[in-house]
Structure formats: structure tokens, C-alpha cells
Amino acid sequence: MATYSLLLGLLVIIISWKLFNDWASGLAGFIYGGILFWSIKLFVQLIKTLFG
């Protein structure tokens, strides 16, 4: 799963770099998306643990 997420993030960075000539926004999106994804996953795990 981690490898898949990393490859997907690199693909987003490369696509934004080639299409918009702006790799920084792709990198920022990858970082913020990763934080959001892991936060949601942690929250779901917490709910399952508490009410499981």
C-alpha cells in the first residue's frame, strides 16, 4: 500500500510538472493529500477500536 501511494504521488507530481510546468503544487498536493488520507485512516481505526 505504501509503495502504491508513493508511486501515485510521484505520478501526480510528474503530471502537474509536465502539464502546468509547476512541480511545487503537485508536491504540495501530494503532501497534503497524504496527511488527509492518513488522518482519515487513523480516525476510522480509532472509531473501530472504541466502538468495535
N, C-alpha and C. Protein backbone atom coordinates (compact mmCIF):
# COMPACT_ATOMS: atom_id res chain seq x y z
N MET A 1 0.83 -1.19 0.00
CA MET A 1 0.00 0.00 0.00
C MET A 1 0.87 1.26 0.00
N ALA A 2 1.94 1.23 0.78
CA ALA A 2 2.81 2.40 0.85
C ALA A 2 3.50 2.64 -0.49
N THR A 3 3.91 1.57 -1.14
CA THR A 3 4.57 1.70 -2.44
C THR A 3 3.59 2.25 -3.47
N TYR A 4 2.36 1.77 -3.43
CA TYR A 4 1.32 2.25 -4.35
C TYR A 4 1.07 3.74 -4.13
N SER A 5 0.97 4.16 -2.88
CA SER A 5 0.74 5.57 -2.58
C SER A 5 1.90 6.44 -3.03
N LEU A 6 3.12 5.94 -2.83
CA LEU A 6 4.30 6.69 -3.25
C LEU A 6 4.33 6.84 -4.77
N LEU A 7 4.07 5.76 -5.49
CA LEU A 7 4.07 5.83 -6.95
C LEU A 7 2.96 6.73 -7.47
N LEU A 8 1.81 6.69 -6.85
CA LEU A 8 0.70 7.56 -7.25
C LEU A 8 1.05 9.02 -7.00
N GLY A 9 1.69 9.29 -5.86
CA GLY A 9 2.10 10.66 -5.56
C GLY A 9 3.15 11.17 -6.54
N LEU A 10 4.12 10.33 -6.87
CA LEU A 10 5.13 10.72 -7.86
C LEU A 10 4.50 10.98 -9.22
N LEU A 11 3.52 10.17 -9.57
CA LEU A 11 2.82 10.36 -10.84
C LEU A 11 2.09 11.70 -10.86
N VAL A 12 1.45 12.07 -9.76
CA VAL A 12 0.76 13.36 -9.68
C VAL A 12 1.75 14.51 -9.83
N ILE A 13 2.90 14.39 -9.16
CA ILE A 13 3.92 15.43 -9.25
C ILE A 13 4.42 15.57 -10.70
N ILE A 14 4.69 14.44 -11.34
CA ILE A 14 5.20 14.48 -12.72
C ILE A 14 4.16 15.04 -13.68
N ILE A 15 2.91 14.64 -13.52
CA ILE A 15 1.84 15.14 -14.41
C ILE A 15 1.67 16.65 -14.23
N SER A 16 1.65 17.12 -12.97
CA SER A 16 1.48 18.57 -12.77
C SER A 16 2.70 19.33 -13.29
N TRP A 17 3.87 18.71 -13.22
CA TRP A 17 5.08 19.35 -13.72
C TRP A 17 5.03 19.47 -15.24
N LYS A 18 4.60 18.41 -15.91
CA LYS A 18 4.58 18.41 -17.38
C LYS A 18 3.43 19.27 -17.92
N LEU A 19 2.26 19.20 -17.31
CA LEU A 19 1.10 19.91 -17.85
C LEU A 19 1.12 21.40 -17.50
N PHE A 20 1.43 21.70 -16.25
CA PHE A 20 1.31 23.08 -15.79
C PHE A 20 2.66 23.74 -15.53
N ASN A 21 3.76 23.00 -15.74
CA ASN A 21 5.11 23.49 -15.51
C ASN A 21 5.25 24.02 -14.08
N ASP A 22 4.62 23.30 -13.14
CA ASP A 22 4.62 23.72 -11.75
C ASP A 22 4.68 22.46 -10.87
N TRP A 23 5.88 22.02 -10.55
CA TRP A 23 6.03 20.79 -9.76
C TRP A 23 5.75 21.03 -8.29
N ALA A 24 5.86 22.28 -7.83
CA ALA A 24 5.66 22.57 -6.40
C ALA A 24 4.21 22.33 -5.98
N SER A 25 3.25 22.67 -6.84
CA SER A 25 1.85 22.45 -6.47
C SER A 25 1.54 20.96 -6.43
N GLY A 26 2.14 20.19 -7.31
CA GLY A 26 1.96 18.74 -7.27
C GLY A 26 2.55 18.15 -6.01
N LEU A 27 3.71 18.64 -5.60
CA LEU A 27 4.35 18.17 -4.38
C LEU A 27 3.51 18.55 -3.16
N ALA A 28 3.02 19.77 -3.13
CA ALA A 28 2.18 20.21 -2.01
C ALA A 28 0.89 19.40 -1.95
N GLY A 29 0.30 19.14 -3.10
CA GLY A 29 -0.91 18.33 -3.13
C GLY A 29 -0.67 16.92 -2.65
N PHE A 30 0.49 16.36 -3.00
CA PHE A 30 0.85 15.02 -2.55
C PHE A 30 1.01 14.98 -1.03
N ILE A 31 1.68 15.99 -0.48
CA ILE A 31 1.90 16.04 0.97
C ILE A 31 0.57 16.23 1.71
N TYR A 32 -0.23 17.22 1.28
CA TYR A 32 -1.49 17.48 1.96
C TYR A 32 -2.46 16.31 1.78
N GLY A 33 -2.47 15.72 0.59
CA GLY A 33 -3.32 14.55 0.36
C GLY A 33 -2.92 13.38 1.24
N GLY A 34 -1.62 13.18 1.41
CA GLY A 34 -1.14 12.11 2.27
C GLY A 34 -1.53 12.34 3.72
N ILE A 35 -1.39 13.57 4.18
CA ILE A 35 -1.78 13.90 5.55
C ILE A 35 -3.28 13.67 5.74
N LEU A 36 -4.07 14.11 4.79
CA LEU A 36 -5.53 13.93 4.87
C LEU A 36 -5.89 12.45 4.86
N PHE A 37 -5.26 11.68 3.96
CA PHE A 37 -5.54 10.24 3.85
C PHE A 37 -5.22 9.52 5.16
N TRP A 38 -4.05 9.78 5.72
CA TRP A 38 -3.65 9.09 6.95
C TRP A 38 -4.47 9.56 8.14
N SER A 39 -4.91 10.81 8.14
CA SER A 39 -5.76 11.30 9.23
C SER A 39 -7.11 10.60 9.22
N ILE A 40 -7.69 10.44 8.04
CA ILE A 40 -8.97 9.75 7.93
C ILE A 40 -8.81 8.29 8.33
N LYS A 41 -7.72 7.67 7.88
CA LYS A 41 -7.48 6.26 8.22
C LYS A 41 -7.30 6.09 9.72
N LEU A 42 -6.57 7.00 10.36
CA LEU A 42 -6.38 6.95 11.80
C LEU A 42 -7.70 7.14 12.55
N PHE A 43 -8.52 8.07 12.08
CA PHE A 43 -9.81 8.33 12.70
C PHE A 43 -10.72 7.11 12.61
N VAL A 44 -10.75 6.46 11.45
CA VAL A 44 -11.57 5.26 11.27
C VAL A 44 -11.08 4.15 12.19
N GLN A 45 -9.76 3.98 12.29
CA GLN A 45 -9.18 2.96 13.17
C GLN A 45 -9.54 3.25 14.63
N LEU A 46 -9.52 4.51 15.01
CA LEU A 46 -9.86 4.90 16.37
C LEU A 46 -11.33 4.58 16.68
N ILE A 47 -12.21 4.88 15.75
CA ILE A 47 -13.64 4.59 15.94
C ILE A 47 -13.85 3.09 16.05
N LYS A 48 -13.18 2.31 15.20
CA LYS A 48 -13.32 0.85 15.26
C LYS A 48 -12.83 0.32 16.60
N THR A 49 -11.75 0.87 17.10
CA THR A 49 -11.20 0.42 18.37
C THR A 49 -12.12 0.77 19.53
N LEU A 50 -12.65 1.98 19.51
CA LEU A 50 -13.51 2.41 20.63
C LEU A 50 -14.85 1.71 20.64
N PHE A 51 -15.48 1.55 19.48
CA PHE A 51 -16.83 1.02 19.41
C PHE A 51 -16.90 -0.38 18.83
N GLY A 52 -15.75 -0.93 18.44
CA GLY A 52 -15.65 -2.17 17.73
C GLY A 52 -16.27 -3.36 18.29
